[in-house]
Amino acid sequence: MKFLLFLIGTLSSLLIVGQQGTLTLHGKVENESQTLSYVDFEVYKDNEVFYKGQTMRNGSFKIDLDLGHVYNVAFSKDGYVEKSVAVISASDSTITGRYFFQMDLELFRVEQDAIDETMLPPVAKLYIIDENEGFRYDKKYVKWISNKYDDL
């Protein structure tokens, strides 16, 4: 009987874990086709700092994000405009699986005090609606935000 309870508990926990799913966000950070080394990044999960990291010497990064949350990933380096990306992985609770999304970023140089970075919205938005289609890159949002950046 104890073995049966143990088996049922183990199987149910495996099912719960199997339903969670992960998004692996990976890519490179560059400026004018030149790799930017050791760029700091912070991952905010549901508006709280979840993880802090730094890109590799070759500018690459890799971040694993659990499905079912809203993230903001902010990249910063002294002398460059901070960029952030919104990742909306909170959708229908039936979405499960392992997803991969390559996201290469371009950081722009700025002159000191040129832009108030505290007011800049995310430069891109990723979201998931259907597990068969995976994550989408919101092109309309990027076009809209590009126009806003041009106005600065």
N, C-alpha and C. Protein backbone atom coordinates (compact mmCIF):
# COMPACT_ATOMS: atom_id res chain seq x y z
N MET A 1 0.82 -1.19 0.00
CA MET A 1 0.00 0.00 0.00
C MET A 1 0.88 1.27 0.00
N LYS A 2 1.93 1.26 0.83
CA LYS A 2 2.82 2.42 0.88
C LYS A 2 3.49 2.63 -0.48
N PHE A 3 3.87 1.52 -1.13
CA PHE A 3 4.49 1.62 -2.43
C PHE A 3 3.53 2.22 -3.45
N LEU A 4 2.25 1.82 -3.39
CA LEU A 4 1.24 2.34 -4.31
C LEU A 4 1.06 3.84 -4.11
N LEU A 5 1.01 4.30 -2.86
CA LEU A 5 0.89 5.73 -2.59
C LEU A 5 2.12 6.48 -3.08
N PHE A 6 3.29 5.90 -2.86
CA PHE A 6 4.54 6.51 -3.33
C PHE A 6 4.53 6.63 -4.86
N LEU A 7 4.10 5.57 -5.54
CA LEU A 7 4.05 5.56 -6.99
C LEU A 7 3.06 6.60 -7.52
N ILE A 8 1.90 6.70 -6.91
CA ILE A 8 0.91 7.68 -7.33
C ILE A 8 1.44 9.09 -7.12
N GLY A 9 2.07 9.34 -5.97
CA GLY A 9 2.65 10.66 -5.68
C GLY A 9 3.73 11.02 -6.67
N THR A 10 4.59 10.07 -6.98
CA THR A 10 5.68 10.33 -7.92
C THR A 10 5.15 10.62 -9.32
N LEU A 11 4.19 9.83 -9.78
CA LEU A 11 3.62 10.05 -11.11
C LEU A 11 2.90 11.38 -11.20
N SER A 12 2.14 11.74 -10.14
CA SER A 12 1.44 13.04 -10.20
C SER A 12 2.42 14.19 -10.21
N SER A 13 3.52 14.09 -9.47
CA SER A 13 4.50 15.18 -9.49
C SER A 13 5.18 15.26 -10.86
N LEU A 14 5.40 14.13 -11.51
CA LEU A 14 5.97 14.16 -12.85
C LEU A 14 5.02 14.81 -13.84
N LEU A 15 3.73 14.56 -13.70
CA LEU A 15 2.75 15.18 -14.58
C LEU A 15 2.71 16.69 -14.37
N ILE A 16 2.78 17.12 -13.12
CA ILE A 16 2.76 18.56 -12.84
C ILE A 16 3.99 19.22 -13.42
N VAL A 17 5.16 18.63 -13.20
CA VAL A 17 6.40 19.19 -13.75
C VAL A 17 6.34 19.20 -15.27
N GLY A 18 5.81 18.15 -15.88
CA GLY A 18 5.73 18.05 -17.33
C GLY A 18 4.82 19.09 -17.95
N GLN A 19 3.90 19.65 -17.17
CA GLN A 19 2.97 20.64 -17.69
C GLN A 19 3.56 22.05 -17.67
N GLN A 20 4.67 22.26 -17.00
CA GLN A 20 5.16 23.62 -16.84
C GLN A 20 5.77 24.18 -18.12
N GLY A 21 6.76 23.57 -18.67
CA GLY A 21 7.38 24.04 -19.90
C GLY A 21 8.39 25.16 -19.70
N THR A 22 9.23 25.35 -20.73
CA THR A 22 10.32 26.31 -20.65
C THR A 22 10.53 26.99 -21.99
N LEU A 23 10.91 28.27 -21.93
CA LEU A 23 11.36 29.00 -23.10
C LEU A 23 12.84 29.30 -22.89
N THR A 24 13.68 28.89 -23.85
CA THR A 24 15.09 29.26 -23.81
C THR A 24 15.29 30.41 -24.77
N LEU A 25 15.64 31.55 -24.21
CA LEU A 25 15.89 32.76 -24.97
C LEU A 25 17.41 32.86 -25.14
N HIS A 26 17.87 32.95 -26.38
CA HIS A 26 19.32 33.01 -26.61
C HIS A 26 19.61 33.96 -27.77
N GLY A 27 20.85 34.43 -27.81
CA GLY A 27 21.23 35.32 -28.89
C GLY A 27 22.54 36.02 -28.60
N LYS A 28 22.77 37.15 -29.30
CA LYS A 28 23.99 37.94 -29.17
C LYS A 28 23.63 39.41 -29.06
N VAL A 29 24.52 40.15 -28.42
CA VAL A 29 24.36 41.60 -28.32
C VAL A 29 25.51 42.24 -29.09
N GLU A 30 25.16 43.18 -29.97
CA GLU A 30 26.15 43.82 -30.84
C GLU A 30 25.92 45.32 -30.91
N ASN A 31 26.91 46.02 -31.46
CA ASN A 31 26.79 47.42 -31.82
C ASN A 31 27.49 47.59 -33.15
N GLU A 32 26.74 48.02 -34.15
CA GLU A 32 27.27 48.22 -35.50
C GLU A 32 28.08 47.00 -35.98
N SER A 33 27.48 45.84 -35.87
CA SER A 33 28.05 44.56 -36.30
C SER A 33 29.28 44.12 -35.50
N GLN A 34 29.57 44.80 -34.41
CA GLN A 34 30.68 44.42 -33.53
C GLN A 34 30.11 43.83 -32.25
N THR A 35 30.65 42.70 -31.83
CA THR A 35 30.20 42.04 -30.61
C THR A 35 30.43 42.93 -29.40
N LEU A 36 29.45 42.99 -28.53
CA LEU A 36 29.60 43.69 -27.25
C LEU A 36 29.79 42.64 -26.16
N SER A 37 30.93 42.66 -25.53
CA SER A 37 31.26 41.70 -24.47
C SER A 37 30.71 42.16 -23.13
N TYR A 38 30.38 41.19 -22.30
CA TYR A 38 30.03 41.42 -20.90
C TYR A 38 28.94 42.49 -20.70
N VAL A 39 27.88 42.37 -21.47
CA VAL A 39 26.72 43.24 -21.30
C VAL A 39 25.90 42.70 -20.14
N ASP A 40 25.53 43.56 -19.21
CA ASP A 40 24.71 43.14 -18.06
C ASP A 40 23.26 42.95 -18.51
N PHE A 41 22.61 41.95 -17.93
CA PHE A 41 21.17 41.82 -18.16
C PHE A 41 20.48 41.41 -16.87
N GLU A 42 19.24 41.88 -16.75
CA GLU A 42 18.40 41.55 -15.61
C GLU A 42 17.09 41.00 -16.14
N VAL A 43 16.63 39.94 -15.50
CA VAL A 43 15.35 39.35 -15.86
C VAL A 43 14.38 39.63 -14.72
N TYR A 44 13.29 40.30 -15.07
CA TYR A 44 12.22 40.58 -14.11
C TYR A 44 11.09 39.59 -14.37
N LYS A 45 10.68 38.90 -13.34
CA LYS A 45 9.59 37.93 -13.45
C LYS A 45 8.42 38.47 -12.64
N ASP A 46 7.32 38.72 -13.30
CA ASP A 46 6.14 39.30 -12.64
C ASP A 46 6.53 40.54 -11.84
N ASN A 47 7.35 41.41 -12.46
CA ASN A 47 7.78 42.71 -11.93
C ASN A 47 8.76 42.65 -10.76
N GLU A 48 9.40 41.52 -10.52
CA GLU A 48 10.44 41.43 -9.49
C GLU A 48 11.70 40.84 -10.10
N VAL A 49 12.86 41.32 -9.65
CA VAL A 49 14.12 40.81 -10.19
C VAL A 49 14.20 39.30 -9.92
N PHE A 50 14.36 38.56 -11.00
CA PHE A 50 14.38 37.11 -10.94
C PHE A 50 15.80 36.58 -11.14
N TYR A 51 16.56 37.25 -12.01
CA TYR A 51 17.90 36.77 -12.35
C TYR A 51 18.73 37.93 -12.88
N LYS A 52 20.00 37.96 -12.50
CA LYS A 52 20.96 38.92 -13.05
C LYS A 52 22.09 38.14 -13.69
N GLY A 53 22.52 38.58 -14.84
CA GLY A 53 23.60 37.89 -15.53
C GLY A 53 24.38 38.82 -16.41
N GLN A 54 25.28 38.24 -17.18
CA GLN A 54 26.14 39.00 -18.08
C GLN A 54 26.39 38.15 -19.32
N THR A 55 26.44 38.81 -20.47
CA THR A 55 26.73 38.07 -21.70
C THR A 55 28.17 37.56 -21.65
N MET A 56 28.45 36.61 -22.48
CA MET A 56 29.80 36.05 -22.58
C MET A 56 30.71 37.04 -23.33
N ARG A 57 31.97 36.69 -23.42
CA ARG A 57 32.95 37.54 -24.12
C ARG A 57 32.54 37.77 -25.58
N ASN A 58 31.91 36.74 -26.18
CA ASN A 58 31.48 36.85 -27.58
C ASN A 58 30.10 37.50 -27.71
N GLY A 59 29.57 38.06 -26.61
CA GLY A 59 28.28 38.75 -26.63
C GLY A 59 27.06 37.85 -26.54
N SER A 60 27.27 36.55 -26.43
CA SER A 60 26.14 35.63 -26.42
C SER A 60 25.53 35.50 -25.02
N PHE A 61 24.28 35.12 -25.01
CA PHE A 61 23.56 34.89 -23.76
C PHE A 61 22.57 33.75 -23.96
N LYS A 62 22.15 33.16 -22.85
CA LYS A 62 21.15 32.10 -22.85
C LYS A 62 20.41 32.19 -21.52
N ILE A 63 19.08 32.28 -21.60
CA ILE A 63 18.25 32.41 -20.42
C ILE A 63 17.10 31.41 -20.52
N ASP A 64 16.90 30.61 -19.48
CA ASP A 64 15.76 29.70 -19.43
C ASP A 64 14.66 30.33 -18.60
N LEU A 65 13.46 30.43 -19.19
CA LEU A 65 12.31 31.04 -18.54
C LEU A 65 11.17 30.04 -18.44
N ASP A 66 10.59 29.89 -17.25
CA ASP A 66 9.44 29.02 -17.07
C ASP A 66 8.22 29.64 -17.73
N LEU A 67 7.39 28.81 -18.37
CA LEU A 67 6.15 29.30 -18.95
C LEU A 67 5.19 29.68 -17.82
N GLY A 68 4.24 30.53 -18.13
CA GLY A 68 3.22 30.91 -17.17
C GLY A 68 3.48 32.21 -16.45
N HIS A 69 4.44 33.01 -16.93
CA HIS A 69 4.78 34.27 -16.27
C HIS A 69 4.99 35.37 -17.30
N VAL A 70 5.06 36.60 -16.82
CA VAL A 70 5.41 37.74 -17.65
C VAL A 70 6.81 38.19 -17.25
N TYR A 71 7.69 38.32 -18.22
CA TYR A 71 9.08 38.69 -17.98
C TYR A 71 9.42 39.98 -18.70
N ASN A 72 10.38 40.69 -18.17
CA ASN A 72 11.01 41.80 -18.86
C ASN A 72 12.51 41.56 -18.76
N VAL A 73 13.18 41.49 -19.89
CA VAL A 73 14.61 41.23 -19.91
C VAL A 73 15.30 42.52 -20.38
N ALA A 74 16.11 43.11 -19.50
CA ALA A 74 16.75 44.40 -19.78
C ALA A 74 18.26 44.20 -19.95
N PHE A 75 18.80 44.74 -21.05
CA PHE A 75 20.22 44.66 -21.37
C PHE A 75 20.83 46.05 -21.22
N SER A 76 21.97 46.15 -20.52
CA SER A 76 22.59 47.46 -20.32
C SER A 76 24.11 47.36 -20.30
N LYS A 77 24.73 48.44 -20.75
CA LYS A 77 26.18 48.57 -20.72
C LYS A 77 26.48 50.06 -20.71
N ASP A 78 27.47 50.45 -19.92
CA ASP A 78 27.84 51.86 -19.85
C ASP A 78 28.12 52.41 -21.24
N GLY A 79 27.55 53.58 -21.53
CA GLY A 79 27.76 54.23 -22.82
C GLY A 79 26.76 53.82 -23.89
N TYR A 80 25.80 52.96 -23.54
CA TYR A 80 24.81 52.47 -24.50
C TYR A 80 23.41 52.65 -23.92
N VAL A 81 22.43 52.79 -24.81
CA VAL A 81 21.04 52.89 -24.39
C VAL A 81 20.58 51.51 -23.92
N GLU A 82 19.98 51.44 -22.75
CA GLU A 82 19.44 50.17 -22.24
C GLU A 82 18.26 49.75 -23.11
N LYS A 83 18.21 48.46 -23.41
CA LYS A 83 17.08 47.91 -24.17
C LYS A 83 16.45 46.81 -23.35
N SER A 84 15.13 46.74 -23.42
CA SER A 84 14.43 45.65 -22.74
C SER A 84 13.44 45.01 -23.69
N VAL A 85 13.15 43.75 -23.41
CA VAL A 85 12.22 42.96 -24.21
C VAL A 85 11.19 42.36 -23.27
N ALA A 86 9.92 42.51 -23.64
CA ALA A 86 8.84 41.90 -22.87
C ALA A 86 8.61 40.48 -23.38
N VAL A 87 8.54 39.54 -22.47
CA VAL A 87 8.28 38.14 -22.83
C VAL A 87 7.03 37.72 -22.06
N ILE A 88 5.96 37.48 -22.79
CA ILE A 88 4.69 37.13 -22.16
C ILE A 88 4.46 35.64 -22.38
N SER A 89 4.81 34.85 -21.38
CA SER A 89 4.63 33.40 -21.50
C SER A 89 3.44 32.95 -20.68
N ALA A 90 2.66 33.89 -20.16
CA ALA A 90 1.45 33.58 -19.41
C ALA A 90 0.30 33.59 -20.39
N SER A 91 -0.26 32.44 -20.63
CA SER A 91 -1.36 32.30 -21.57
C SER A 91 -2.25 31.21 -21.06
N ASP A 92 -2.81 30.44 -21.94
CA ASP A 92 -3.64 29.31 -21.57
C ASP A 92 -2.80 28.31 -20.78
N SER A 93 -3.28 27.87 -19.65
CA SER A 93 -2.49 26.97 -18.78
C SER A 93 -2.22 25.62 -19.42
N THR A 94 -2.86 25.33 -20.56
CA THR A 94 -2.60 24.03 -21.21
C THR A 94 -1.36 24.07 -22.08
N ILE A 95 -0.75 25.23 -22.25
CA ILE A 95 0.46 25.33 -23.08
C ILE A 95 1.63 24.75 -22.31
N THR A 96 2.26 23.76 -22.90
CA THR A 96 3.39 23.10 -22.28
C THR A 96 4.46 22.89 -23.34
N GLY A 97 5.60 22.42 -22.92
CA GLY A 97 6.64 22.07 -23.87
C GLY A 97 7.90 22.89 -23.69
N ARG A 98 8.82 22.66 -24.60
CA ARG A 98 10.11 23.35 -24.57
C ARG A 98 10.19 24.19 -25.83
N TYR A 99 10.45 25.46 -25.67
CA TYR A 99 10.52 26.39 -26.79
C TYR A 99 11.88 27.08 -26.80
N PHE A 100 12.32 27.47 -28.01
CA PHE A 100 13.59 28.17 -28.18
C PHE A 100 13.32 29.39 -29.05
N PHE A 101 13.92 30.52 -28.68
CA PHE A 101 13.76 31.72 -29.49
C PHE A 101 15.09 32.45 -29.54
N GLN A 102 15.60 32.68 -30.77
CA GLN A 102 16.85 33.42 -30.93
C GLN A 102 16.53 34.89 -31.07
N MET A 103 17.17 35.69 -30.22
CA MET A 103 16.93 37.12 -30.19
C MET A 103 18.27 37.84 -30.16
N ASP A 104 18.68 38.38 -31.29
CA ASP A 104 19.92 39.16 -31.35
C ASP A 104 19.55 40.63 -31.18
N LEU A 105 20.33 41.33 -30.37
CA LEU A 105 20.04 42.73 -30.05
C LEU A 105 21.15 43.65 -30.51
N GLU A 106 20.76 44.85 -30.88
CA GLU A 106 21.70 45.91 -31.22
C GLU A 106 21.56 46.99 -30.15
N LEU A 107 22.64 47.26 -29.42
CA LEU A 107 22.64 48.37 -28.48
C LEU A 107 23.25 49.58 -29.16
N PHE A 108 22.66 50.76 -28.93
CA PHE A 108 23.14 51.98 -29.55
C PHE A 108 23.92 52.82 -28.57
N ARG A 109 24.99 53.44 -29.06
CA ARG A 109 25.78 54.37 -28.23
C ARG A 109 24.97 55.64 -28.01
N VAL A 110 25.16 56.23 -26.84
CA VAL A 110 24.50 57.51 -26.57
C VAL A 110 25.50 58.48 -25.95
N GLU A 111 25.22 59.75 -26.17
CA GLU A 111 25.98 60.76 -25.47
C GLU A 111 25.38 60.91 -24.09
N GLN A 112 26.18 61.29 -23.13
CA GLN A 112 25.72 61.41 -21.76
C GLN A 112 24.52 62.36 -21.69
N ASP A 113 23.50 61.97 -20.93
CA ASP A 113 22.28 62.75 -20.72
C ASP A 113 21.46 62.96 -21.99
N ALA A 114 21.69 62.19 -23.04
CA ALA A 114 20.94 62.38 -24.28
C ALA A 114 19.51 61.85 -24.18
N ILE A 115 19.31 60.73 -23.49
CA ILE A 115 18.00 60.10 -23.41
C ILE A 115 17.71 59.72 -21.97
N ASP A 116 16.48 59.99 -21.53
CA ASP A 116 16.06 59.55 -20.20
C ASP A 116 15.61 58.09 -20.32
N GLU A 117 16.50 57.16 -19.99
CA GLU A 117 16.23 55.74 -20.17
C GLU A 117 15.16 55.20 -19.24
N THR A 118 14.83 55.92 -18.20
CA THR A 118 13.83 55.41 -17.25
C THR A 118 12.44 55.38 -17.87
N MET A 119 12.23 56.09 -18.96
CA MET A 119 10.91 56.17 -19.57
C MET A 119 10.80 55.35 -20.85
N LEU A 120 11.83 54.65 -21.24
CA LEU A 120 11.79 53.91 -22.49
C LEU A 120 11.04 52.59 -22.31
N PRO A 121 10.08 52.32 -23.20
CA PRO A 121 9.36 51.04 -23.14
C PRO A 121 10.20 49.93 -23.78
N PRO A 122 9.78 48.67 -23.61
CA PRO A 122 10.51 47.56 -24.25
C PRO A 122 10.58 47.75 -25.76
N VAL A 123 11.70 47.32 -26.35
CA VAL A 123 11.90 47.47 -27.79
C VAL A 123 11.24 46.35 -28.59
N ALA A 124 10.88 45.27 -27.93
CA ALA A 124 10.24 44.15 -28.61
C ALA A 124 9.35 43.41 -27.64
N LYS A 125 8.46 42.61 -28.21
CA LYS A 125 7.54 41.85 -27.38
C LYS A 125 7.40 40.44 -27.97
N LEU A 126 7.59 39.43 -27.14
CA LEU A 126 7.39 38.03 -27.51
C LEU A 126 6.19 37.52 -26.74
N TYR A 127 5.39 36.68 -27.37
CA TYR A 127 4.24 36.11 -26.67
C TYR A 127 3.89 34.76 -27.29
N ILE A 128 3.08 33.99 -26.55
CA ILE A 128 2.63 32.69 -27.03
C ILE A 128 1.12 32.60 -26.89
N ILE A 129 0.47 32.09 -27.92
CA ILE A 129 -0.97 31.87 -27.89
C ILE A 129 -1.27 30.39 -28.08
N ASP A 130 -0.56 29.79 -29.02
CA ASP A 130 -0.82 28.39 -29.38
C ASP A 130 0.49 27.61 -29.28
N GLU A 131 0.47 26.51 -28.53
CA GLU A 131 1.70 25.75 -28.35
C GLU A 131 2.23 25.16 -29.65
N ASN A 132 1.38 24.97 -30.64
CA ASN A 132 1.84 24.43 -31.91
C ASN A 132 2.59 25.47 -32.74
N GLU A 133 2.29 26.75 -32.51
CA GLU A 133 2.96 27.81 -33.25
C GLU A 133 4.16 28.37 -32.51
N GLY A 134 4.27 28.11 -31.21
CA GLY A 134 5.40 28.60 -30.43
C GLY A 134 5.30 30.09 -30.15
N PHE A 135 6.43 30.69 -29.83
CA PHE A 135 6.47 32.10 -29.49
C PHE A 135 6.47 32.96 -30.74
N ARG A 136 5.81 34.10 -30.64
CA ARG A 136 5.73 35.04 -31.76
C ARG A 136 6.44 36.33 -31.40
N TYR A 137 7.00 36.93 -32.42
CA TYR A 137 7.66 38.23 -32.32
C TYR A 137 6.64 39.24 -32.83
N ASP A 138 6.21 40.16 -31.99
CA ASP A 138 5.15 41.10 -32.34
C ASP A 138 5.70 42.21 -33.24
N LYS A 139 5.56 42.03 -34.57
CA LYS A 139 6.12 42.97 -35.54
C LYS A 139 5.43 44.32 -35.51
N LYS A 140 4.11 44.33 -35.26
CA LYS A 140 3.38 45.60 -35.19
C LYS A 140 3.89 46.44 -34.02
N TYR A 141 4.12 45.79 -32.90
CA TYR A 141 4.63 46.51 -31.73
C TYR A 141 6.01 47.09 -32.04
N VAL A 142 6.88 46.30 -32.66
CA VAL A 142 8.24 46.75 -32.98
C VAL A 142 8.19 47.95 -33.92
N LYS A 143 7.30 47.92 -34.92
CA LYS A 143 7.17 49.05 -35.84
C LYS A 143 6.68 50.29 -35.08
N TRP A 144 5.70 50.12 -34.21
CA TRP A 144 5.18 51.24 -33.42
C TRP A 144 6.27 51.82 -32.52
N ILE A 145 7.00 50.95 -31.82
CA ILE A 145 8.01 51.44 -30.88
C ILE A 145 9.19 52.06 -31.62
N SER A 146 9.50 51.56 -32.81
CA SER A 146 10.58 52.16 -33.62
C SER A 146 10.25 53.60 -33.94
N ASN A 147 9.00 53.87 -34.28
CA ASN A 147 8.58 55.25 -34.55
C ASN A 147 8.70 56.11 -33.31
N LYS A 148 8.40 55.55 -32.14
CA LYS A 148 8.52 56.30 -30.89
C LYS A 148 9.99 56.65 -30.60
N TYR A 149 10.88 55.68 -30.85
CA TYR A 149 12.31 55.93 -30.64
C TYR A 149 12.82 56.99 -31.62
N ASP A 150 12.31 56.98 -32.85
CA ASP A 150 12.72 57.99 -33.83
C ASP A 150 12.33 59.39 -33.38
N ASP A 151 11.22 59.49 -32.63
CA ASP A 151 10.74 60.79 -32.15
C ASP A 151 11.63 61.36 -31.05
N LEU A 152 12.47 60.52 -30.42
CA LEU A 152 13.30 61.00 -29.30
C LEU A 152 14.42 61.91 -29.75
